[in-house]
Amino acid sequence: MDAETRYEALCDDLLARNGDLVRTKMMGMPSLKLNGKLVAGFVPAEGAAVFKLTDAASREDALAIDGAHLFEPMGGRQMKEWVVVPAAQAARWPDLANAAIGN
């Protein structure tokens, strides 16, 4: 299964369990919003998922994952609460998504 298909499967599962979650686009990429706020997305150029982790401990744990890094969509400006996690670590995506949506 390719990275985008894995991300879409994760979204399907999350949407089925969280009535306030909706699909949207963020900077042209597939994303999820919870109560009007972006919480996750898929970065096609990297084949990776990105999660908004407002809790510092969760964010540090995510950044410790091999290949993970802060999201930098505008070339040089890091989004400090957003962590990109590569498809090689897709097994970690569900836990990160749950942290991003507050489950």
Protein backbone atom coordinates (compact mmCIF):
# COMPACT_ATOMS: atom_id res chain seq x y z
CA MET A 1 0.00 0.00 0.00
CA ASP A 2 1.43 3.38 -0.97
CA ALA A 3 1.78 6.26 1.49
CA GLU A 4 -1.24 8.26 0.32
CA THR A 5 -3.47 5.18 0.43
CA ARG A 6 -2.28 4.51 4.00
CA TYR A 7 -3.04 8.12 4.94
CA GLU A 8 -6.53 7.89 3.39
CA ALA A 9 -7.21 4.63 5.28
CA LEU A 10 -6.17 6.37 8.50
CA CYS A 11 -8.52 9.26 7.69
CA ASP A 12 -11.41 6.87 7.01
CA ASP A 13 -10.90 5.24 10.40
CA LEU A 14 -10.59 8.57 12.23
CA LEU A 15 -13.67 10.02 10.50
CA ALA A 16 -15.72 6.96 11.44
CA ARG A 17 -14.82 7.43 15.12
CA ASN A 18 -14.84 11.24 15.42
CA GLY A 19 -18.02 13.02 14.34
CA ASP A 20 -16.45 16.50 14.52
CA LEU A 21 -13.60 15.62 12.16
CA VAL A 22 -13.86 16.61 8.47
CA ARG A 23 -11.75 16.28 5.32
CA THR A 24 -10.40 19.50 3.85
CA LYS A 25 -7.36 20.92 2.06
CA MET A 26 -4.44 22.78 3.63
CA MET A 27 -2.02 24.47 1.26
CA GLY A 28 -3.42 22.22 -1.47
CA MET A 29 -2.79 18.97 0.40
CA PRO A 30 -5.34 16.50 1.79
CA SER A 31 -6.00 17.40 5.43
CA LEU A 32 -8.26 16.93 8.42
CA LYS A 33 -9.96 19.57 10.54
CA LEU A 34 -11.45 19.16 13.99
CA ASN A 35 -13.95 21.81 15.03
CA GLY A 36 -12.62 24.12 12.31
CA LYS A 37 -8.93 23.69 13.19
CA LEU A 38 -6.39 21.80 11.10
CA VAL A 39 -4.96 18.76 12.87
CA ALA A 40 -3.33 16.58 10.21
CA GLY A 41 -2.46 16.31 6.55
CA PHE A 42 -0.58 14.44 3.87
CA VAL A 43 2.51 15.96 2.23
CA PRO A 44 2.58 14.44 -1.29
CA ALA A 45 6.07 15.75 -2.08
CA GLU A 46 7.45 13.74 0.85
CA GLY A 47 4.97 10.86 0.88
CA ALA A 48 4.52 11.63 4.57
CA ALA A 49 1.83 12.57 7.06
CA VAL A 50 1.97 15.73 9.13
CA PHE A 51 0.35 16.21 12.53
CA LYS A 52 -0.30 19.29 14.66
CA LEU A 53 0.95 18.36 18.11
CA THR A 54 0.29 21.20 20.52
CA ASP A 55 1.49 19.20 23.53
CA ALA A 56 5.27 19.71 23.83
CA ALA A 57 5.94 16.18 25.11
CA SER A 58 3.97 14.59 22.26
CA ARG A 59 5.80 16.79 19.77
CA GLU A 60 9.23 15.87 21.17
CA ASP A 61 8.30 12.16 21.09
CA ALA A 62 7.22 12.54 17.46
CA LEU A 63 10.41 14.37 16.51
CA ALA A 64 12.41 11.46 17.96
CA ILE A 65 10.91 9.13 15.33
CA ASP A 66 13.43 8.22 12.64
CA GLY A 67 13.01 10.58 9.69
CA ALA A 68 10.53 12.92 11.43
CA HIS A 69 11.03 16.68 11.25
CA LEU A 70 9.22 19.97 11.72
CA PHE A 71 6.94 20.94 8.83
CA GLU A 72 8.45 23.63 6.64
CA PRO A 73 5.97 24.35 3.83
CA MET A 74 7.24 27.82 2.98
CA GLY A 75 10.93 27.11 2.53
CA GLY A 76 12.64 28.21 5.71
CA ARG A 77 9.71 28.92 7.99
CA GLN A 78 9.11 25.98 10.30
CA MET A 79 5.66 25.41 11.72
CA LYS A 80 6.74 24.59 15.26
CA GLU A 81 3.72 22.54 16.31
CA TRP A 82 3.59 20.48 13.08
CA VAL A 83 5.63 17.29 12.73
CA VAL A 84 6.13 15.42 9.44
CA VAL A 85 6.42 11.65 9.83
CA PRO A 86 7.56 9.57 6.82
CA ALA A 87 5.63 6.62 5.42
CA ALA A 88 8.38 4.29 6.66
CA GLN A 89 6.96 5.10 10.12
CA ALA A 90 3.27 4.84 9.11
CA ALA A 91 2.64 2.38 11.94
CA ARG A 92 3.07 5.40 14.25
CA TRP A 93 0.55 7.58 12.36
CA PRO A 94 -2.59 6.40 14.25
CA ASP A 95 -1.14 7.29 17.65
CA LEU A 96 0.06 10.66 16.37
CA ALA A 97 -3.32 11.37 14.80
CA ASN A 98 -5.02 10.55 18.08
CA ALA A 99 -2.65 12.92 19.89
CA ALA A 100 -3.38 15.64 17.32
CA ILE A 101 -7.15 15.31 17.77
CA GLY A 102 -6.93 14.96 21.53
CA ASN A 103 -7.88 11.28 21.91
